[in-house]
Amino acid sequence: MEKRKMKEKKKKPDNDIELKEVHKVWGPVEAEVIKNFLESSGILCILRGEVVQSVSPISVDGMGEIKVLVSEKDYDLAKKLLKSPKI
């Protein structure tokens, strides 16, 4: 019984998703536009930034950078969509 529990603990959960940076922007408005565009195409994404924009809306030396992250399985499609002239 104990061996079976140990094996179950070693399994990687299905909801554990690897994220990959697909794009980088310098403002929250552009980040939201890209996020909405990707999500309207069925690609879920997460925005990650170093500084909360409402606290410090001015970007200095890359601190205002916002990364757009998608799952590895959606990365190629997201990259292709972002290169298309539709945006």
PDB file of N, CA and C in Angstrom:
ATOM      1  N   MET A   1       0.814  -1.195   0.000  1.00  0.00           N
ATOM      2  CA  MET A   1       0.000   0.000   0.000  1.00  0.00           C
ATOM      3  C   MET A   1       0.858   1.259   0.000  1.00  0.00           C
ATOM      4  N   GLU A   2       1.910   1.301   0.798  1.00  0.00           N
ATOM      5  CA  GLU A   2       2.801   2.464   0.871  1.00  0.00           C
ATOM      6  C   GLU A   2       3.512   2.701  -0.458  1.00  0.00           C
ATOM      7  N   LYS A   3       3.903   1.644  -1.138  1.00  0.00           N
ATOM      8  CA  LYS A   3       4.605   1.789  -2.416  1.00  0.00           C
ATOM      9  C   LYS A   3       3.703   2.455  -3.440  1.00  0.00           C
ATOM     10  N   ARG A   4       2.422   2.089  -3.440  1.00  0.00           N
ATOM     11  CA  ARG A   4       1.490   2.673  -4.395  1.00  0.00           C
ATOM     12  C   ARG A   4       1.320   4.174  -4.129  1.00  0.00           C
ATOM     13  N   LYS A   5       1.248   4.570  -2.877  1.00  0.00           N
ATOM     14  CA  LYS A   5       1.132   5.981  -2.543  1.00  0.00           C
ATOM     15  C   LYS A   5       2.364   6.753  -2.979  1.00  0.00           C
ATOM     16  N   MET A   6       3.534   6.174  -2.833  1.00  0.00           N
ATOM     17  CA  MET A   6       4.767   6.837  -3.246  1.00  0.00           C
ATOM     18  C   MET A   6       4.786   7.034  -4.755  1.00  0.00           C
ATOM     19  N   LYS A   7       4.331   6.036  -5.510  1.00  0.00           N
ATOM     20  CA  LYS A   7       4.296   6.161  -6.963  1.00  0.00           C
ATOM     21  C   LYS A   7       3.334   7.256  -7.385  1.00  0.00           C
ATOM     22  N   GLU A   8       2.192   7.350  -6.709  1.00  0.00           N
ATOM     23  CA  GLU A   8       1.210   8.375  -7.038  1.00  0.00           C
ATOM     24  C   GLU A   8       1.764   9.768  -6.784  1.00  0.00           C
ATOM     25  N   LYS A   9       2.566   9.937  -5.758  1.00  0.00           N
ATOM     26  CA  LYS A   9       3.150  11.236  -5.453  1.00  0.00           C
ATOM     27  C   LYS A   9       4.168  11.660  -6.500  1.00  0.00           C
ATOM     28  N   LYS A  10       4.837  10.709  -7.121  1.00  0.00           N
ATOM     29  CA  LYS A  10       5.870  11.021  -8.102  1.00  0.00           C
ATOM     30  C   LYS A  10       5.283  11.444  -9.443  1.00  0.00           C
ATOM     31  N   LYS A  11       4.023  11.107  -9.698  1.00  0.00           N
ATOM     32  CA  LYS A  11       3.393  11.481 -10.956  1.00  0.00           C
ATOM     33  C   LYS A  11       3.269  12.988 -11.061  1.00  0.00           C
ATOM     34  N   LYS A  12       3.472  13.496 -12.267  1.00  0.00           N
ATOM     35  CA  LYS A  12       3.297  14.920 -12.521  1.00  0.00           C
ATOM     36  C   LYS A  12       1.812  15.189 -12.744  1.00  0.00           C
ATOM     37  N   PRO A  13       1.225  16.146 -12.035  1.00  0.00           N
ATOM     38  CA  PRO A  13      -0.199  16.425 -12.203  1.00  0.00           C
ATOM     39  C   PRO A  13      -0.514  16.896 -13.621  1.00  0.00           C
ATOM     40  N   ASP A  14      -1.718  16.564 -14.084  1.00  0.00           N
ATOM     41  CA  ASP A  14      -2.141  16.957 -15.430  1.00  0.00           C
ATOM     42  C   ASP A  14      -2.284  18.464 -15.569  1.00  0.00           C
ATOM     43  N   ASN A  15      -2.581  19.143 -14.459  1.00  0.00           N
ATOM     44  CA  ASN A  15      -2.783  20.589 -14.551  1.00  0.00           C
ATOM     45  C   ASN A  15      -1.480  21.374 -14.396  1.00  0.00           C
ATOM     46  N   ASP A  16      -0.354  20.690 -14.355  1.00  0.00           N
ATOM     47  CA  ASP A  16       0.948  21.339 -14.250  1.00  0.00           C
ATOM     48  C   ASP A  16       1.421  21.700 -15.660  1.00  0.00           C
ATOM     49  N   ILE A  17       1.308  22.973 -16.038  1.00  0.00           N
ATOM     50  CA  ILE A  17       1.582  23.420 -17.402  1.00  0.00           C
ATOM     51  C   ILE A  17       2.885  24.208 -17.440  1.00  0.00           C
ATOM     52  N   GLU A  18       3.720  23.886 -18.410  1.00  0.00           N
ATOM     53  CA  GLU A  18       4.955  24.640 -18.626  1.00  0.00           C
ATOM     54  C   GLU A  18       4.628  25.875 -19.460  1.00  0.00           C
ATOM     55  N   LEU A  19       5.053  27.039 -19.005  1.00  0.00           N
ATOM     56  CA  LEU A  19       4.796  28.289 -19.726  1.00  0.00           C
ATOM     57  C   LEU A  19       6.035  28.747 -20.468  1.00  0.00           C
ATOM     58  N   LYS A  20       5.803  29.422 -21.582  1.00  0.00           N
ATOM     59  CA  LYS A  20       6.891  29.924 -22.413  1.00  0.00           C
ATOM     60  C   LYS A  20       6.557  31.350 -22.843  1.00  0.00           C
ATOM     61  N   GLU A  21       7.560  32.222 -22.820  1.00  0.00           N
ATOM     62  CA  GLU A  21       7.355  33.617 -23.215  1.00  0.00           C
ATOM     63  C   GLU A  21       7.206  33.703 -24.735  1.00  0.00           C
ATOM     64  N   VAL A  22       6.075  34.257 -25.170  1.00  0.00           N
ATOM     65  CA  VAL A  22       5.810  34.378 -26.600  1.00  0.00           C
ATOM     66  C   VAL A  22       6.020  35.807 -27.095  1.00  0.00           C
ATOM     67  N   HIS A  23       5.921  36.768 -26.187  1.00  0.00           N
ATOM     68  CA  HIS A  23       6.067  38.163 -26.602  1.00  0.00           C
ATOM     69  C   HIS A  23       6.384  39.024 -25.380  1.00  0.00           C
ATOM     70  N   LYS A  24       6.923  40.204 -25.630  1.00  0.00           N
ATOM     71  CA  LYS A  24       7.283  41.139 -24.571  1.00  0.00           C
ATOM     72  C   LYS A  24       6.818  42.528 -24.984  1.00  0.00           C
ATOM     73  N   VAL A  25       6.164  43.250 -24.076  1.00  0.00           N
ATOM     74  CA  VAL A  25       5.694  44.605 -24.366  1.00  0.00           C
ATOM     75  C   VAL A  25       6.091  45.530 -23.219  1.00  0.00           C
ATOM     76  N   TRP A  26       5.846  46.811 -23.407  1.00  0.00           N
ATOM     77  CA  TRP A  26       6.268  47.805 -22.421  1.00  0.00           C
ATOM     78  C   TRP A  26       5.112  48.566 -21.791  1.00  0.00           C
ATOM     79  N   GLY A  27       3.901  48.090 -21.961  1.00  0.00           N
ATOM     80  CA  GLY A  27       2.775  48.774 -21.346  1.00  0.00           C
ATOM     81  C   GLY A  27       1.579  47.865 -21.161  1.00  0.00           C
ATOM     82  N   PRO A  28       0.743  48.165 -20.175  1.00  0.00           N
ATOM     83  CA  PRO A  28      -0.397  47.306 -19.875  1.00  0.00           C
ATOM     84  C   PRO A  28      -1.478  47.296 -20.955  1.00  0.00           C
ATOM     85  N   VAL A  29      -1.644  48.378 -21.677  1.00  0.00           N
ATOM     86  CA  VAL A  29      -2.674  48.427 -22.720  1.00  0.00           C
ATOM     87  C   VAL A  29      -2.319  47.472 -23.854  1.00  0.00           C
ATOM     88  N   GLU A  30      -1.085  47.552 -24.332  1.00  0.00           N
ATOM     89  CA  GLU A  30      -0.638  46.651 -25.407  1.00  0.00           C
ATOM     90  C   GLU A  30      -0.680  45.195 -24.937  1.00  0.00           C
ATOM     91  N   ALA A  31      -0.298  44.947 -23.699  1.00  0.00           N
ATOM     92  CA  ALA A  31      -0.322  43.586 -23.158  1.00  0.00           C
ATOM     93  C   ALA A  31      -1.743  43.030 -23.143  1.00  0.00           C
ATOM     94  N   GLU A  32      -2.705  43.850 -22.741  1.00  0.00           N
ATOM     95  CA  GLU A  32      -4.107  43.408 -22.710  1.00  0.00           C
ATOM     96  C   GLU A  32      -4.653  43.153 -24.106  1.00  0.00           C
ATOM     97  N   VAL A  33      -4.262  43.990 -25.079  1.00  0.00           N
ATOM     98  CA  VAL A  33      -4.701  43.787 -26.471  1.00  0.00           C
ATOM     99  C   VAL A  33      -4.198  42.434 -26.975  1.00  0.00           C
ATOM    100  N   ILE A  34      -2.934  42.143 -26.734  1.00  0.00           N
ATOM    101  CA  ILE A  34      -2.349  40.872 -27.176  1.00  0.00           C
ATOM    102  C   ILE A  34      -3.009  39.702 -26.458  1.00  0.00           C
ATOM    103  N   LYS A  35      -3.212  39.846 -25.157  1.00  0.00           N
ATOM    104  CA  LYS A  35      -3.860  38.778 -24.382  1.00  0.00           C
ATOM    105  C   LYS A  35      -5.256  38.496 -24.924  1.00  0.00           C
ATOM    106  N   ASN A  36      -6.040  39.546 -25.171  1.00  0.00           N
ATOM    107  CA  ASN A  36      -7.398  39.369 -25.694  1.00  0.00           C
ATOM    108  C   ASN A  36      -7.388  38.749 -27.088  1.00  0.00           C
ATOM    109  N   PHE A  37      -6.434  39.161 -27.917  1.00  0.00           N
ATOM    110  CA  PHE A  37      -6.313  38.587 -29.259  1.00  0.00           C
ATOM    111  C   PHE A  37      -6.024  37.095 -29.194  1.00  0.00           C
ATOM    112  N   LEU A  38      -5.052  36.708 -28.376  1.00  0.00           N
ATOM    113  CA  LEU A  38      -4.703  35.284 -28.263  1.00  0.00           C
ATOM    114  C   LEU A  38      -5.859  34.478 -27.668  1.00  0.00           C
ATOM    115  N   GLU A  39      -6.498  35.015 -26.646  1.00  0.00           N
ATOM    116  CA  GLU A  39      -7.602  34.288 -26.029  1.00  0.00           C
ATOM    117  C   GLU A  39      -8.800  34.163 -26.958  1.00  0.00           C
ATOM    118  N   SER A  40      -9.003  35.146 -27.840  1.00  0.00           N
ATOM    119  CA  SER A  40     -10.088  35.033 -28.824  1.00  0.00           C
ATOM    120  C   SER A  40      -9.782  33.960 -29.866  1.00  0.00           C
ATOM    121  N   SER A  41      -8.514  33.578 -29.964  1.00  0.00           N
ATOM    122  CA  SER A  41      -8.094  32.501 -30.869  1.00  0.00           C
ATOM    123  C   SER A  41      -7.993  31.170 -30.132  1.00  0.00           C
ATOM    124  N   GLY A  42      -8.423  31.136 -28.876  1.00  0.00           N
ATOM    125  CA  GLY A  42      -8.433  29.893 -28.115  1.00  0.00           C
ATOM    126  C   GLY A  42      -7.147  29.581 -27.363  1.00  0.00           C
ATOM    127  N   ILE A  43      -6.254  30.562 -27.249  1.00  0.00           N
ATOM    128  CA  ILE A  43      -4.977  30.353 -26.559  1.00  0.00           C
ATOM    129  C   ILE A  43      -5.001  31.113 -25.238  1.00  0.00           C
ATOM    130  N   LEU A  44      -4.975  30.385 -24.145  1.00  0.00           N
ATOM    131  CA  LEU A  44      -4.935  31.027 -22.836  1.00  0.00           C
ATOM    132  C   LEU A  44      -3.547  31.575 -22.582  1.00  0.00           C
ATOM    133  N   CYS A  45      -3.458  32.726 -21.947  1.00  0.00           N
ATOM    134  CA  CYS A  45      -2.153  33.303 -21.657  1.00  0.00           C
ATOM    135  C   CYS A  45      -2.167  34.038 -20.332  1.00  0.00           C
ATOM    136  N   ILE A  46      -0.966  34.292 -19.864  1.00  0.00           N
ATOM    137  CA  ILE A  46      -0.762  34.976 -18.585  1.00  0.00           C
ATOM    138  C   ILE A  46       0.163  36.154 -18.836  1.00  0.00           C
ATOM    139  N   LEU A  47      -0.127  37.263 -18.179  1.00  0.00           N
ATOM    140  CA  LEU A  47       0.741  38.434 -18.257  1.00  0.00           C
ATOM    141  C   LEU A  47       1.565  38.494 -16.976  1.00  0.00           C
ATOM    142  N   ARG A  48       2.864  38.699 -17.137  1.00  0.00           N
ATOM    143  CA  ARG A  48       3.741  38.775 -15.969  1.00  0.00           C
ATOM    144  C   ARG A  48       4.657  39.977 -16.116  1.00  0.00           C
ATOM    145  N   GLY A  49       4.671  40.827 -15.103  1.00  0.00           N
ATOM    146  CA  GLY A  49       5.514  42.008 -15.125  1.00  0.00           C
ATOM    147  C   GLY A  49       6.308  42.154 -13.845  1.00  0.00           C
ATOM    148  N   GLU A  50       7.339  42.971 -13.906  1.00  0.00           N
ATOM    149  CA  GLU A  50       8.200  43.202 -12.747  1.00  0.00           C
ATOM    150  C   GLU A  50       7.614  44.221 -11.783  1.00  0.00           C
ATOM    151  N   VAL A  51       6.885  45.214 -12.302  1.00  0.00           N
ATOM    152  CA  VAL A  51       6.367  46.300 -11.488  1.00  0.00           C
ATOM    153  C   VAL A  51       4.867  46.406 -11.700  1.00  0.00           C
ATOM    154  N   VAL A  52       4.131  46.603 -10.646  1.00  0.00           N
ATOM    155  CA  VAL A  52       2.696  46.820 -10.773  1.00  0.00           C
ATOM    156  C   VAL A  52       2.487  48.175 -11.443  1.00  0.00           C
ATOM    157  N   GLN A  53       1.807  48.186 -12.570  1.00  0.00           N
ATOM    158  CA  GLN A  53       1.653  49.402 -13.368  1.00  0.00           C
ATOM    159  C   GLN A  53       0.897  50.496 -12.625  1.00  0.00           C
ATOM    160  N   SER A  54      -0.033  50.130 -11.752  1.00  0.00           N
ATOM    161  CA  SER A  54      -0.798  51.159 -11.045  1.00  0.00           C
ATOM    162  C   SER A  54       0.050  51.871  -9.990  1.00  0.00           C
ATOM    163  N   VAL A  55       1.104  51.224  -9.517  1.00  0.00           N
ATOM    164  CA  VAL A  55       1.993  51.831  -8.528  1.00  0.00           C
ATOM    165  C   VAL A  55       3.032  52.707  -9.208  1.00  0.00           C
ATOM    166  N   SER A  56       3.625  52.186 -10.275  1.00  0.00           N
ATOM    167  CA  SER A  56       4.658  52.922 -10.994  1.00  0.00           C
ATOM    168  C   SER A  56       4.385  52.853 -12.495  1.00  0.00           C
ATOM    169  N   PRO A  57       3.542  53.752 -13.023  1.00  0.00           N
ATOM    170  CA  PRO A  57       3.168  53.681 -14.437  1.00  0.00           C
ATOM    171  C   PRO A  57       4.283  54.080 -15.400  1.00  0.00           C
ATOM    172  N   ILE A  58       5.403  54.572 -14.875  1.00  0.00           N
ATOM    173  CA  ILE A  58       6.518  54.976 -15.731  1.00  0.00           C
ATOM    174  C   ILE A  58       7.541  53.855 -15.781  1.00  0.00           C
ATOM    175  N   SER A  59       7.938  53.485 -16.983  1.00  0.00           N
ATOM    176  CA  SER A  59       8.897  52.395 -17.140  1.00  0.00           C
ATOM    177  C   SER A  59      10.309  52.948 -17.270  1.00  0.00           C
ATOM    178  N   VAL A  60      11.209  52.448 -16.433  1.00  0.00           N
ATOM    179  CA  VAL A  60      12.598  52.885 -16.446  1.00  0.00           C
ATOM    180  C   VAL A  60      13.500  51.669 -16.567  1.00  0.00           C
ATOM    181  N   ASP A  61      14.373  51.659 -17.559  1.00  0.00           N
ATOM    182  CA  ASP A  61      15.376  50.607 -17.714  1.00  0.00           C
ATOM    183  C   ASP A  61      14.787  49.200 -17.685  1.00  0.00           C
ATOM    184  N   GLY A  62      13.694  49.001 -18.412  1.00  0.00           N
ATOM    185  CA  GLY A  62      13.118  47.667 -18.539  1.00  0.00           C
ATOM    186  C   GLY A  62      12.232  47.227 -17.400  1.00  0.00           C
ATOM    187  N   MET A  63      12.051  48.054 -16.391  1.00  0.00           N
ATOM    188  CA  MET A  63      11.239  47.628 -15.244  1.00  0.00           C
ATOM    189  C   MET A  63       9.752  47.558 -15.566  1.00  0.00           C
ATOM    190  N   GLY A  64       9.293  48.256 -16.600  1.00  0.00           N
ATOM    191  CA  GLY A  64       7.882  48.232 -16.969  1.00  0.00           C
ATOM    192  C   GLY A  64       7.549  47.133 -17.952  1.00  0.00           C
ATOM    193  N   GLU A  65       8.496  46.289 -18.224  1.00  0.00           N
ATOM    194  CA  GLU A  65       8.318  45.205 -19.193  1.00  0.00           C
ATOM    195  C   GLU A  65       7.250  44.209 -18.724  1.00  0.00           C
ATOM    196  N   ILE A  66       6.388  43.815 -19.653  1.00  0.00           N
ATOM    197  CA  ILE A  66       5.362  42.809 -19.376  1.00  0.00           C
ATOM    198  C   ILE A  66       5.573  41.661 -20.350  1.00  0.00           C
ATOM    199  N   LYS A  67       5.661  40.453 -19.808  1.00  0.00           N
ATOM    200  CA  LYS A  67       5.855  39.252 -20.629  1.00  0.00           C
ATOM    201  C   LYS A  67       4.512  38.574 -20.840  1.00  0.00           C
ATOM    202  N   VAL A  68       4.291  38.133 -22.077  1.00  0.00           N
ATOM    203  CA  VAL A  68       3.091  37.381 -22.417  1.00  0.00           C
ATOM    204  C   VAL A  68       3.505  35.918 -22.458  1.00  0.00           C
ATOM    205  N   LEU A  69       2.917  35.110 -21.591  1.00  0.00           N
ATOM    206  CA  LEU A  69       3.283  33.697 -21.478  1.00  0.00           C
ATOM    207  C   LEU A  69       2.128  32.818 -21.934  1.00  0.00           C
ATOM    208  N   VAL A  70       2.472  31.759 -22.673  1.00  0.00           N
ATOM    209  CA  VAL A  70       1.490  30.767 -23.116  1.00  0.00           C
ATOM    210  C   VAL A  70       2.043  29.383 -22.795  1.00  0.00           C
ATOM    211  N   SER A  71       1.196  28.367 -22.885  1.00  0.00           N
ATOM    212  CA  SER A  71       1.672  27.005 -22.655  1.00  0.00           C
ATOM    213  C   SER A  71       2.572  26.592 -23.823  1.00  0.00           C
ATOM    214  N   GLU A  72       3.478  25.673 -23.542  1.00  0.00           N
ATOM    215  CA  GLU A  72       4.407  25.222 -24.588  1.00  0.00           C
ATOM    216  C   GLU A  72       3.670  24.654 -25.782  1.00  0.00           C
ATOM    217  N   LYS A  73       2.561  23.966 -25.541  1.00  0.00           N
ATOM    218  CA  LYS A  73       1.821  23.357 -26.661  1.00  0.00           C
ATOM    219  C   LYS A  73       1.179  24.413 -27.560  1.00  0.00           C
ATOM    220  N   ASP A  74       0.904  25.601 -27.047  1.00  0.00           N
ATOM    221  CA  ASP A  74       0.298  26.670 -27.842  1.00  0.00           C
ATOM    222  C   ASP A  74       1.312  27.681 -28.379  1.00  0.00           C
ATOM    223  N   TYR A  75       2.573  27.517 -28.017  1.00  0.00           N
ATOM    224  CA  TYR A  75       3.599  28.508 -28.341  1.00  0.00           C
ATOM    225  C   TYR A  75       3.723  28.763 -29.850  1.00  0.00           C
ATOM    226  N   ASP A  76       3.862  27.709 -30.645  1.00  0.00           N
ATOM    227  CA  ASP A  76       4.061  27.882 -32.095  1.00  0.00           C
ATOM    228  C   ASP A  76       2.886  28.607 -32.746  1.00  0.00           C
ATOM    229  N   LEU A  77       1.673  28.223 -32.376  1.00  0.00           N
ATOM    230  CA  LEU A  77       0.488  28.881 -32.946  1.00  0.00           C
ATOM    231  C   LEU A  77       0.415  30.340 -32.501  1.00  0.00           C
ATOM    232  N   ALA A  78       0.697  30.607 -31.232  1.00  0.00           N
ATOM    233  CA  ALA A  78       0.663  31.982 -30.723  1.00  0.00           C
ATOM    234  C   ALA A  78       1.690  32.848 -31.448  1.00  0.00           C
ATOM    235  N   LYS A  79       2.885  32.323 -31.645  1.00  0.00           N
ATOM    236  CA  LYS A  79       3.937  33.065 -32.345  1.00  0.00           C
ATOM    237  C   LYS A  79       3.492  33.384 -33.776  1.00  0.00           C
ATOM    238  N   LYS A  80       2.901  32.395 -34.429  1.00  0.00           N
ATOM    239  CA  LYS A  80       2.419  32.573 -35.806  1.00  0.00           C
ATOM    240  C   LYS A  80       1.315  33.634 -35.865  1.00  0.00           C
ATOM    241  N   LEU A  81       0.385  33.579 -34.920  1.00  0.00           N
ATOM    242  CA  LEU A  81      -0.708  34.552 -34.896  1.00  0.00           C
ATOM    243  C   LEU A  81      -0.191  35.970 -34.648  1.00  0.00           C
ATOM    244  N   LEU A  82       0.801  36.106 -33.781  1.00  0.00           N
ATOM    245  CA  LEU A  82       1.332  37.427 -33.477  1.00  0.00           C
ATOM    246  C   LEU A  82       2.140  38.012 -34.634  1.00  0.00           C
ATOM    247  N   LYS A  83       2.655  37.157 -35.501  1.00  0.00           N
ATOM    248  CA  LYS A  83       3.381  37.636 -36.683  1.00  0.00           C
ATOM    249  C   LYS A  83       2.458  38.007 -37.827  1.00  0.00           C
ATOM    250  N   SER A  84       1.206  37.543 -37.755  1.00  0.00           N
ATOM    251  CA  SER A  84       0.265  37.820 -38.842  1.00  0.00           C
ATOM    252  C   SER A  84      -0.098  39.302 -38.849  1.00  0.00           C
ATOM    253  N   PRO A  85      -0.431  39.852 -40.024  1.00  0.00           N
ATOM    254  CA  PRO A  85      -0.721  41.291 -40.126  1.00  0.00           C
ATOM    255  C   PRO A  85      -2.082  41.694 -39.560  1.00  0.00           C
ATOM    256  N   LYS A  86      -2.802  40.786 -38.918  1.00  0.00           N
ATOM    257  CA  LYS A  86      -4.126  41.105 -38.367  1.00  0.00           C
ATOM    258  C   LYS A  86      -4.046  42.026 -37.161  1.00  0.00           C
ATOM    259  N   ILE A  87      -2.949  42.020 -36.443  1.00  0.00           N
ATOM    260  CA  ILE A  87      -2.833  42.865 -35.246  1.00  0.00           C
ATOM    261  C   ILE A  87      -2.445  44.261 -35.638  1.00  0.00           C
TER     262      ILE A  87
END
